[in-house]
N, C-alpha and C. Protein backbone atom coordinates (compact mmCIF):
# COMPACT_ATOMS: atom_id res chain seq x y z
N MET A 1 22.42 -11.20 -24.54
CA MET A 1 22.04 -11.45 -23.16
C MET A 1 22.93 -10.58 -22.27
N SER A 2 22.30 -9.97 -21.28
CA SER A 2 23.08 -9.19 -20.33
C SER A 2 23.03 -9.90 -18.99
N GLY A 3 24.17 -10.04 -18.35
CA GLY A 3 24.22 -10.67 -17.04
C GLY A 3 24.36 -12.18 -17.12
N LYS A 4 24.51 -12.75 -15.97
CA LYS A 4 24.70 -14.19 -15.81
C LYS A 4 23.38 -14.95 -15.99
N PRO A 5 23.41 -16.14 -16.58
CA PRO A 5 22.18 -16.93 -16.68
C PRO A 5 21.68 -17.32 -15.28
N VAL A 6 20.39 -17.15 -15.06
CA VAL A 6 19.78 -17.50 -13.78
C VAL A 6 18.78 -18.63 -14.02
N ILE A 7 19.07 -19.79 -13.42
CA ILE A 7 18.21 -20.95 -13.56
C ILE A 7 17.72 -21.33 -12.17
N ILE A 8 16.42 -21.53 -12.03
CA ILE A 8 15.86 -21.92 -10.74
C ILE A 8 15.69 -23.44 -10.73
N LYS A 9 16.37 -24.06 -9.78
CA LYS A 9 16.27 -25.49 -9.52
C LYS A 9 16.09 -25.59 -8.01
N THR A 10 14.95 -26.10 -7.57
CA THR A 10 14.63 -26.04 -6.15
C THR A 10 15.05 -27.27 -5.36
N ALA A 11 15.37 -28.37 -6.04
CA ALA A 11 15.71 -29.60 -5.31
C ALA A 11 16.74 -30.39 -6.10
N ASN A 12 17.57 -31.14 -5.41
CA ASN A 12 18.59 -31.95 -6.09
C ASN A 12 17.98 -32.95 -7.05
N ALA A 13 16.78 -33.43 -6.77
CA ALA A 13 16.13 -34.43 -7.62
C ALA A 13 15.61 -33.83 -8.93
N ASP A 14 15.49 -32.51 -9.01
CA ASP A 14 14.93 -31.87 -10.21
C ASP A 14 15.81 -32.14 -11.43
N ASN A 15 15.17 -32.51 -12.54
CA ASN A 15 15.92 -32.68 -13.78
C ASN A 15 15.58 -31.59 -14.79
N VAL A 16 14.84 -30.58 -14.33
CA VAL A 16 14.56 -29.40 -15.14
C VAL A 16 14.85 -28.16 -14.31
N GLY A 17 15.11 -27.06 -14.99
CA GLY A 17 15.30 -25.77 -14.34
C GLY A 17 14.46 -24.73 -15.06
N ILE A 18 14.19 -23.64 -14.39
CA ILE A 18 13.36 -22.57 -14.95
C ILE A 18 14.25 -21.37 -15.23
N VAL A 19 14.14 -20.84 -16.43
CA VAL A 19 14.90 -19.65 -16.80
C VAL A 19 14.29 -18.44 -16.10
N ALA A 20 15.11 -17.70 -15.34
CA ALA A 20 14.62 -16.55 -14.59
C ALA A 20 15.13 -15.22 -15.15
N ASN A 21 15.95 -15.23 -16.19
CA ASN A 21 16.42 -13.98 -16.79
C ASN A 21 15.26 -13.30 -17.51
N LEU A 22 15.09 -11.99 -17.27
CA LEU A 22 13.94 -11.26 -17.83
C LEU A 22 13.84 -11.38 -19.34
N GLU A 23 14.97 -11.37 -20.03
CA GLU A 23 14.94 -11.45 -21.49
C GLU A 23 15.04 -12.89 -21.99
N GLY A 24 14.97 -13.86 -21.07
CA GLY A 24 15.15 -15.26 -21.46
C GLY A 24 16.63 -15.52 -21.70
N LEU A 25 16.94 -16.66 -22.30
CA LEU A 25 18.32 -17.00 -22.60
C LEU A 25 18.43 -17.46 -24.05
N PRO A 26 19.46 -17.00 -24.75
CA PRO A 26 19.60 -17.38 -26.16
C PRO A 26 20.26 -18.76 -26.32
N LYS A 27 20.02 -19.33 -27.48
CA LYS A 27 20.68 -20.57 -27.87
C LYS A 27 22.18 -20.38 -27.71
N GLY A 28 22.86 -21.42 -27.22
CA GLY A 28 24.31 -21.36 -27.05
C GLY A 28 24.76 -20.89 -25.68
N THR A 29 23.80 -20.48 -24.81
CA THR A 29 24.16 -20.06 -23.46
C THR A 29 24.69 -21.27 -22.69
N LEU A 30 25.82 -21.09 -22.02
CA LEU A 30 26.41 -22.14 -21.19
C LEU A 30 26.06 -21.86 -19.74
N LEU A 31 25.39 -22.81 -19.09
CA LEU A 31 25.00 -22.66 -17.69
C LEU A 31 26.13 -23.10 -16.77
N ASP A 32 26.05 -22.71 -15.52
CA ASP A 32 27.09 -23.04 -14.55
C ASP A 32 27.33 -24.54 -14.42
N ASP A 33 26.27 -25.35 -14.62
CA ASP A 33 26.43 -26.80 -14.47
C ASP A 33 26.96 -27.47 -15.73
N GLY A 34 27.28 -26.66 -16.75
CA GLY A 34 27.80 -27.21 -18.01
C GLY A 34 26.76 -27.46 -19.07
N THR A 35 25.48 -27.22 -18.75
CA THR A 35 24.41 -27.38 -19.73
C THR A 35 24.53 -26.29 -20.79
N LEU A 36 24.46 -26.68 -22.06
CA LEU A 36 24.51 -25.75 -23.18
C LEU A 36 23.11 -25.70 -23.80
N LEU A 37 22.51 -24.51 -23.85
CA LEU A 37 21.16 -24.39 -24.39
C LEU A 37 21.17 -24.62 -25.90
N SER A 38 20.29 -25.49 -26.35
CA SER A 38 20.23 -25.85 -27.77
C SER A 38 19.25 -24.97 -28.54
N GLU A 39 18.57 -24.08 -27.84
CA GLU A 39 17.62 -23.16 -28.50
C GLU A 39 17.35 -21.99 -27.56
N ASP A 40 16.71 -20.95 -28.10
CA ASP A 40 16.32 -19.82 -27.27
C ASP A 40 15.26 -20.29 -26.27
N VAL A 41 15.36 -19.79 -25.02
CA VAL A 41 14.41 -20.18 -23.98
C VAL A 41 13.87 -18.92 -23.33
N PRO A 42 12.54 -18.68 -23.42
CA PRO A 42 11.96 -17.50 -22.79
C PRO A 42 11.95 -17.60 -21.27
N ILE A 43 11.81 -16.46 -20.61
CA ILE A 43 11.71 -16.43 -19.16
C ILE A 43 10.55 -17.30 -18.70
N GLY A 44 10.75 -18.00 -17.57
CA GLY A 44 9.68 -18.80 -16.98
C GLY A 44 9.50 -20.17 -17.59
N HIS A 45 10.31 -20.51 -18.60
CA HIS A 45 10.15 -21.81 -19.26
C HIS A 45 11.18 -22.80 -18.73
N LYS A 46 10.82 -24.08 -18.86
CA LYS A 46 11.67 -25.15 -18.36
C LYS A 46 12.70 -25.58 -19.40
N ILE A 47 13.89 -25.95 -18.88
CA ILE A 47 14.92 -26.56 -19.71
C ILE A 47 15.34 -27.87 -19.07
N ALA A 48 15.75 -28.81 -19.91
CA ALA A 48 16.25 -30.09 -19.42
C ALA A 48 17.67 -29.89 -18.92
N LEU A 49 17.93 -30.32 -17.69
CA LEU A 49 19.26 -30.21 -17.10
C LEU A 49 20.07 -31.49 -17.28
N CYS A 50 19.45 -32.49 -17.88
CA CYS A 50 20.10 -33.75 -18.24
C CYS A 50 19.25 -34.36 -19.34
N ASP A 51 19.75 -35.38 -20.00
CA ASP A 51 18.92 -36.09 -20.96
C ASP A 51 17.77 -36.75 -20.20
N ILE A 52 16.56 -36.61 -20.73
CA ILE A 52 15.38 -37.24 -20.14
C ILE A 52 14.83 -38.19 -21.20
N GLY A 53 14.92 -39.49 -20.93
CA GLY A 53 14.52 -40.50 -21.91
C GLY A 53 13.02 -40.57 -22.10
N LYS A 54 12.62 -41.15 -23.22
CA LYS A 54 11.20 -41.35 -23.51
C LYS A 54 10.56 -42.11 -22.34
N ASP A 55 9.43 -41.63 -21.87
CA ASP A 55 8.66 -42.18 -20.76
C ASP A 55 9.30 -41.96 -19.39
N ASP A 56 10.45 -41.25 -19.34
CA ASP A 56 11.07 -40.94 -18.05
C ASP A 56 10.32 -39.81 -17.36
N LYS A 57 10.48 -39.74 -16.06
CA LYS A 57 9.83 -38.70 -15.25
C LYS A 57 10.48 -37.34 -15.51
N ILE A 58 9.65 -36.32 -15.56
CA ILE A 58 10.12 -34.94 -15.57
C ILE A 58 9.85 -34.43 -14.16
N ILE A 59 10.92 -33.99 -13.48
CA ILE A 59 10.83 -33.69 -12.04
C ILE A 59 11.15 -32.23 -11.77
N ARG A 60 10.25 -31.60 -11.02
CA ARG A 60 10.42 -30.21 -10.56
C ARG A 60 9.90 -30.15 -9.14
N TYR A 61 10.56 -29.41 -8.26
CA TYR A 61 10.21 -29.35 -6.84
C TYR A 61 10.23 -30.75 -6.22
N SER A 62 11.08 -31.63 -6.73
CA SER A 62 11.16 -33.04 -6.30
C SER A 62 9.87 -33.81 -6.58
N GLN A 63 9.01 -33.28 -7.44
CA GLN A 63 7.74 -33.91 -7.76
C GLN A 63 7.70 -34.23 -9.25
N VAL A 64 7.07 -35.34 -9.58
CA VAL A 64 6.88 -35.69 -10.99
C VAL A 64 5.80 -34.77 -11.54
N ILE A 65 6.15 -33.99 -12.57
CA ILE A 65 5.17 -33.09 -13.19
C ILE A 65 4.72 -33.62 -14.54
N GLY A 66 5.29 -34.72 -14.99
CA GLY A 66 4.90 -35.32 -16.25
C GLY A 66 5.92 -36.36 -16.68
N TYR A 67 5.70 -36.90 -17.89
CA TYR A 67 6.58 -37.91 -18.46
C TYR A 67 6.96 -37.49 -19.88
N ALA A 68 8.19 -37.76 -20.26
CA ALA A 68 8.68 -37.36 -21.58
C ALA A 68 8.03 -38.23 -22.66
N ASN A 69 7.45 -37.59 -23.67
CA ASN A 69 6.87 -38.31 -24.81
C ASN A 69 7.94 -38.85 -25.75
N ARG A 70 9.12 -38.25 -25.65
CA ARG A 70 10.25 -38.63 -26.50
C ARG A 70 11.52 -38.25 -25.76
N LEU A 71 12.66 -38.62 -26.28
CA LEU A 71 13.92 -38.21 -25.67
C LEU A 71 14.01 -36.69 -25.68
N ILE A 72 14.31 -36.11 -24.53
CA ILE A 72 14.53 -34.67 -24.42
C ILE A 72 16.00 -34.50 -24.04
N ARG A 73 16.75 -33.88 -24.92
CA ARG A 73 18.19 -33.72 -24.71
C ARG A 73 18.48 -32.61 -23.70
N ARG A 74 19.55 -32.78 -22.97
CA ARG A 74 20.02 -31.77 -22.03
C ARG A 74 20.17 -30.45 -22.78
N GLY A 75 19.66 -29.37 -22.19
CA GLY A 75 19.75 -28.04 -22.79
C GLY A 75 18.57 -27.66 -23.65
N ALA A 76 17.62 -28.59 -23.84
CA ALA A 76 16.45 -28.30 -24.68
C ALA A 76 15.36 -27.59 -23.89
N LEU A 77 14.62 -26.73 -24.58
CA LEU A 77 13.41 -26.12 -24.05
C LEU A 77 12.36 -27.22 -23.96
N ILE A 78 11.73 -27.36 -22.82
CA ILE A 78 10.69 -28.38 -22.67
C ILE A 78 9.35 -27.74 -22.99
N GLN A 79 8.71 -28.26 -24.03
CA GLN A 79 7.43 -27.73 -24.48
C GLN A 79 6.32 -28.71 -24.12
N GLU A 80 5.09 -28.22 -24.05
CA GLU A 80 3.95 -29.06 -23.67
C GLU A 80 3.84 -30.30 -24.54
N SER A 81 4.14 -30.18 -25.82
CA SER A 81 4.00 -31.31 -26.73
C SER A 81 4.97 -32.45 -26.42
N MET A 82 5.97 -32.17 -25.59
CA MET A 82 6.96 -33.18 -25.22
C MET A 82 6.56 -33.94 -23.95
N VAL A 83 5.50 -33.50 -23.30
CA VAL A 83 5.16 -34.01 -21.97
C VAL A 83 3.77 -34.64 -21.99
N SER A 84 3.66 -35.80 -21.34
CA SER A 84 2.33 -36.39 -21.12
C SER A 84 2.09 -36.43 -19.63
N LEU A 85 0.84 -36.31 -19.27
CA LEU A 85 0.45 -36.31 -17.86
C LEU A 85 -0.28 -37.60 -17.55
N PRO A 86 -0.09 -38.13 -16.37
CA PRO A 86 -0.85 -39.33 -16.01
C PRO A 86 -2.32 -38.99 -15.83
N LYS A 87 -3.18 -39.99 -16.01
CA LYS A 87 -4.61 -39.78 -15.78
C LYS A 87 -4.79 -39.48 -14.30
N PRO A 88 -5.51 -38.41 -13.97
CA PRO A 88 -5.68 -38.09 -12.55
C PRO A 88 -6.54 -39.15 -11.87
N PRO A 89 -6.25 -39.43 -10.60
CA PRO A 89 -7.07 -40.41 -9.88
C PRO A 89 -8.43 -39.83 -9.53
N ASP A 90 -9.37 -40.70 -9.28
CA ASP A 90 -10.68 -40.30 -8.80
C ASP A 90 -10.51 -39.67 -7.42
N LEU A 91 -11.31 -38.67 -7.10
CA LEU A 91 -11.18 -37.99 -5.81
C LEU A 91 -11.25 -38.95 -4.63
N ASP A 92 -12.07 -40.00 -4.75
CA ASP A 92 -12.21 -40.94 -3.64
C ASP A 92 -11.00 -41.83 -3.46
N SER A 93 -10.11 -41.88 -4.46
CA SER A 93 -8.96 -42.77 -4.35
C SER A 93 -7.65 -42.02 -4.09
N LEU A 94 -7.71 -40.72 -3.81
CA LEU A 94 -6.49 -39.97 -3.52
C LEU A 94 -5.88 -40.48 -2.22
N PRO A 95 -4.61 -40.85 -2.26
CA PRO A 95 -4.00 -41.36 -1.03
C PRO A 95 -3.70 -40.24 -0.05
N LEU A 96 -3.80 -40.56 1.22
CA LEU A 96 -3.40 -39.61 2.25
C LEU A 96 -1.93 -39.81 2.52
N ARG A 97 -1.19 -38.72 2.63
CA ARG A 97 0.24 -38.80 2.89
C ARG A 97 0.46 -38.83 4.39
N ASP A 98 1.36 -39.65 4.82
CA ASP A 98 1.72 -39.72 6.22
C ASP A 98 3.21 -39.43 6.33
N ASN A 99 3.53 -38.14 6.33
CA ASN A 99 4.92 -37.72 6.44
C ASN A 99 5.16 -37.18 7.83
N PRO A 100 5.72 -38.02 8.71
CA PRO A 100 5.96 -37.53 10.08
C PRO A 100 6.88 -36.31 10.06
N LYS A 101 6.51 -35.33 10.85
CA LYS A 101 7.31 -34.11 10.95
C LYS A 101 8.27 -34.24 12.13
N PRO A 102 9.45 -33.67 12.00
CA PRO A 102 10.37 -33.72 13.13
C PRO A 102 9.82 -32.92 14.31
N LEU A 103 10.13 -33.36 15.51
CA LEU A 103 9.68 -32.63 16.70
C LEU A 103 10.37 -31.27 16.75
N GLN A 104 9.59 -30.26 17.07
CA GLN A 104 10.10 -28.90 17.16
C GLN A 104 10.11 -28.45 18.61
N GLU A 105 11.01 -27.55 18.92
CA GLU A 105 11.02 -26.94 20.25
C GLU A 105 9.75 -26.10 20.40
N PRO A 106 9.12 -26.13 21.58
CA PRO A 106 7.92 -25.31 21.76
C PRO A 106 8.25 -23.82 21.63
N LEU A 107 7.32 -23.07 21.04
CA LEU A 107 7.48 -21.62 20.91
C LEU A 107 6.92 -20.95 22.15
N GLU A 108 7.62 -19.98 22.64
CA GLU A 108 7.18 -19.23 23.81
C GLU A 108 7.09 -17.76 23.43
N GLY A 109 6.06 -17.08 23.95
CA GLY A 109 5.95 -15.64 23.77
C GLY A 109 5.38 -15.19 22.43
N TYR A 110 4.76 -16.08 21.66
CA TYR A 110 4.18 -15.73 20.38
C TYR A 110 2.65 -15.78 20.48
N THR A 111 2.00 -14.99 19.66
CA THR A 111 0.54 -15.02 19.57
C THR A 111 0.15 -15.13 18.10
N PHE A 112 -1.11 -15.43 17.86
CA PHE A 112 -1.62 -15.48 16.50
C PHE A 112 -3.09 -15.07 16.53
N LYS A 113 -3.62 -14.75 15.37
CA LYS A 113 -5.01 -14.32 15.29
C LYS A 113 -5.91 -15.55 15.16
N GLY A 114 -6.20 -16.15 16.26
CA GLY A 114 -7.10 -17.30 16.31
C GLY A 114 -8.25 -16.98 17.24
N TYR A 115 -8.85 -18.00 17.78
CA TYR A 115 -9.93 -17.81 18.74
C TYR A 115 -9.86 -18.91 19.79
N ARG A 116 -10.55 -18.71 20.89
CA ARG A 116 -10.57 -19.67 21.98
C ARG A 116 -11.77 -20.59 21.80
N ASN A 117 -11.53 -21.89 21.78
CA ASN A 117 -12.60 -22.89 21.71
C ASN A 117 -13.28 -22.99 23.08
N PRO A 118 -14.51 -23.52 23.11
CA PRO A 118 -15.21 -23.68 24.40
C PRO A 118 -14.42 -24.50 25.42
N ASP A 119 -13.58 -25.43 24.94
CA ASP A 119 -12.81 -26.25 25.89
C ASP A 119 -11.50 -25.58 26.31
N GLY A 120 -11.25 -24.35 25.87
CA GLY A 120 -10.06 -23.62 26.27
C GLY A 120 -8.89 -23.72 25.31
N THR A 121 -8.96 -24.62 24.33
CA THR A 121 -7.88 -24.73 23.35
C THR A 121 -8.00 -23.61 22.33
N ALA A 122 -6.90 -23.37 21.61
CA ALA A 122 -6.90 -22.34 20.57
C ALA A 122 -7.37 -22.93 19.25
N GLY A 123 -8.03 -22.12 18.45
CA GLY A 123 -8.52 -22.58 17.15
C GLY A 123 -8.24 -21.58 16.06
N THR A 124 -8.26 -22.05 14.85
CA THR A 124 -8.12 -21.22 13.65
C THR A 124 -9.10 -21.74 12.62
N LYS A 125 -9.24 -21.01 11.56
CA LYS A 125 -10.01 -21.53 10.43
C LYS A 125 -9.20 -22.67 9.80
N ASN A 126 -9.85 -23.71 9.40
CA ASN A 126 -9.20 -24.83 8.71
C ASN A 126 -9.54 -24.72 7.23
N ILE A 127 -8.60 -24.19 6.48
CA ILE A 127 -8.80 -23.97 5.06
C ILE A 127 -7.77 -24.78 4.29
N LEU A 128 -8.24 -25.57 3.35
CA LEU A 128 -7.36 -26.35 2.49
C LEU A 128 -7.00 -25.50 1.27
N GLY A 129 -5.71 -25.26 1.07
CA GLY A 129 -5.23 -24.52 -0.09
C GLY A 129 -4.66 -25.48 -1.12
N ILE A 130 -5.02 -25.31 -2.38
CA ILE A 130 -4.54 -26.17 -3.46
C ILE A 130 -3.74 -25.32 -4.43
N THR A 131 -2.52 -25.76 -4.70
CA THR A 131 -1.67 -25.04 -5.65
C THR A 131 -1.04 -26.03 -6.61
N THR A 132 -0.32 -25.52 -7.57
CA THR A 132 0.32 -26.37 -8.57
C THR A 132 1.80 -26.01 -8.64
N SER A 133 2.57 -26.88 -9.26
CA SER A 133 3.99 -26.59 -9.43
C SER A 133 4.26 -25.94 -10.78
N VAL A 134 3.27 -25.91 -11.66
CA VAL A 134 3.45 -25.29 -12.97
C VAL A 134 2.25 -24.41 -13.28
N ASN A 135 2.48 -23.31 -13.97
CA ASN A 135 1.45 -22.34 -14.27
C ASN A 135 0.44 -22.85 -15.29
N CYS A 136 0.85 -23.75 -16.17
CA CYS A 136 -0.04 -24.14 -17.27
C CYS A 136 -1.28 -24.91 -16.82
N VAL A 137 -1.35 -25.32 -15.57
CA VAL A 137 -2.53 -26.04 -15.08
C VAL A 137 -3.24 -25.29 -13.94
N THR A 138 -2.93 -24.01 -13.76
CA THR A 138 -3.54 -23.29 -12.65
C THR A 138 -5.05 -23.19 -12.78
N GLY A 139 -5.58 -23.21 -13.98
CA GLY A 139 -7.03 -23.18 -14.16
C GLY A 139 -7.72 -24.39 -13.54
N PHE A 140 -7.01 -25.46 -13.42
CA PHE A 140 -7.57 -26.70 -12.86
C PHE A 140 -7.80 -26.58 -11.37
N THR A 141 -7.04 -25.73 -10.67
CA THR A 141 -7.17 -25.65 -9.22
C THR A 141 -8.56 -25.15 -8.81
N GLY A 142 -9.13 -24.22 -9.57
CA GLY A 142 -10.48 -23.74 -9.27
C GLY A 142 -11.51 -24.84 -9.43
N TYR A 143 -11.37 -25.62 -10.50
CA TYR A 143 -12.27 -26.75 -10.73
C TYR A 143 -12.14 -27.76 -9.60
N LEU A 144 -10.90 -28.08 -9.25
CA LEU A 144 -10.64 -29.06 -8.20
C LEU A 144 -11.20 -28.59 -6.86
N ALA A 145 -10.97 -27.32 -6.52
CA ALA A 145 -11.51 -26.78 -5.27
C ALA A 145 -13.03 -26.87 -5.25
N GLY A 146 -13.67 -26.58 -6.37
CA GLY A 146 -15.13 -26.67 -6.46
C GLY A 146 -15.63 -28.09 -6.26
N ARG A 147 -14.96 -29.05 -6.89
CA ARG A 147 -15.35 -30.46 -6.75
C ARG A 147 -15.16 -30.94 -5.32
N ILE A 148 -14.06 -30.54 -4.69
CA ILE A 148 -13.83 -30.96 -3.30
C ILE A 148 -14.89 -30.35 -2.39
N LYS A 149 -15.21 -29.06 -2.60
CA LYS A 149 -16.26 -28.44 -1.79
C LYS A 149 -17.59 -29.18 -1.95
N GLU A 150 -17.91 -29.54 -3.18
CA GLU A 150 -19.19 -30.19 -3.47
C GLU A 150 -19.22 -31.64 -2.97
N LYS A 151 -18.17 -32.40 -3.23
CA LYS A 151 -18.19 -33.84 -2.97
C LYS A 151 -17.60 -34.27 -1.63
N LEU A 152 -16.52 -33.62 -1.19
CA LEU A 152 -15.82 -34.09 0.01
C LEU A 152 -16.04 -33.23 1.25
N LEU A 153 -16.14 -31.92 1.08
CA LEU A 153 -16.24 -31.03 2.24
C LEU A 153 -17.40 -31.38 3.17
N PRO A 154 -18.56 -31.80 2.64
CA PRO A 154 -19.65 -32.17 3.57
C PRO A 154 -19.27 -33.30 4.53
N GLU A 155 -18.31 -34.12 4.16
CA GLU A 155 -17.88 -35.23 5.02
C GLU A 155 -16.88 -34.78 6.08
N TYR A 156 -16.38 -33.54 5.98
CA TYR A 156 -15.37 -33.04 6.90
C TYR A 156 -15.83 -31.70 7.49
N PRO A 157 -16.71 -31.75 8.49
CA PRO A 157 -17.27 -30.50 9.05
C PRO A 157 -16.23 -29.61 9.72
N ASN A 158 -15.06 -30.14 10.05
CA ASN A 158 -14.03 -29.31 10.68
C ASN A 158 -13.19 -28.54 9.67
N VAL A 159 -13.42 -28.77 8.38
CA VAL A 159 -12.72 -28.02 7.34
C VAL A 159 -13.65 -26.92 6.87
N ASP A 160 -13.21 -25.67 6.96
CA ASP A 160 -14.07 -24.52 6.68
C ASP A 160 -14.18 -24.15 5.21
N ASP A 161 -13.13 -24.41 4.43
CA ASP A 161 -13.17 -23.98 3.03
C ASP A 161 -12.05 -24.66 2.25
N VAL A 162 -12.14 -24.59 0.94
CA VAL A 162 -11.09 -25.04 0.04
C VAL A 162 -10.88 -23.91 -0.96
N VAL A 163 -9.61 -23.49 -1.13
CA VAL A 163 -9.32 -22.36 -2.01
C VAL A 163 -8.19 -22.71 -2.98
N PRO A 164 -8.29 -22.24 -4.23
CA PRO A 164 -7.17 -22.40 -5.15
C PRO A 164 -6.13 -21.31 -4.88
N LEU A 165 -4.86 -21.69 -4.92
CA LEU A 165 -3.76 -20.74 -4.73
C LEU A 165 -2.95 -20.72 -6.02
N ASN A 166 -3.36 -19.88 -6.95
CA ASN A 166 -2.71 -19.84 -8.26
C ASN A 166 -1.57 -18.85 -8.29
N HIS A 167 -0.68 -19.05 -9.24
CA HIS A 167 0.47 -18.17 -9.41
C HIS A 167 0.71 -17.97 -10.89
N THR A 168 1.54 -17.02 -11.22
CA THR A 168 1.84 -16.74 -12.63
C THR A 168 3.26 -17.06 -12.96
N TYR A 169 3.89 -17.91 -12.17
CA TYR A 169 5.30 -18.22 -12.36
C TYR A 169 5.51 -19.59 -13.00
N GLY A 170 6.27 -19.65 -14.04
CA GLY A 170 6.81 -20.88 -14.60
C GLY A 170 5.88 -21.96 -14.99
């Protein structure tokens, strides 16, 4: 291995990190937090940053991305066979999040590419973007966007489109 180990951990709640070194990291690599890799880990793959017990949450981006099928020891490569996913809810039962945003100072002197509504207010296209926190399920975003367009979009005439936002990372 050349250079320092680079692990991406985006939130304090995360119990996994993503290897960002181009050549991956070999077994025996010691990370800054004291984690010792128990096996070779390719670039873009997850490692356990602490012991994750059977049925415990696997957390990335402060979000639960799955549950451990068995004990996953700190420093282990997390493989799909170690993770179970909860059954997805029916589209009609998806909860709406109500996360109040902090008040921001008004912006002055900025413009954007929108349009003027008949009542004088500014408007933009209302497009719902769907993304994932892991690459292994990016194929699902296209399916989900299609289902939402077919089943839900007709009920929301102010929403112009639904698009999948896929990535090739991690």
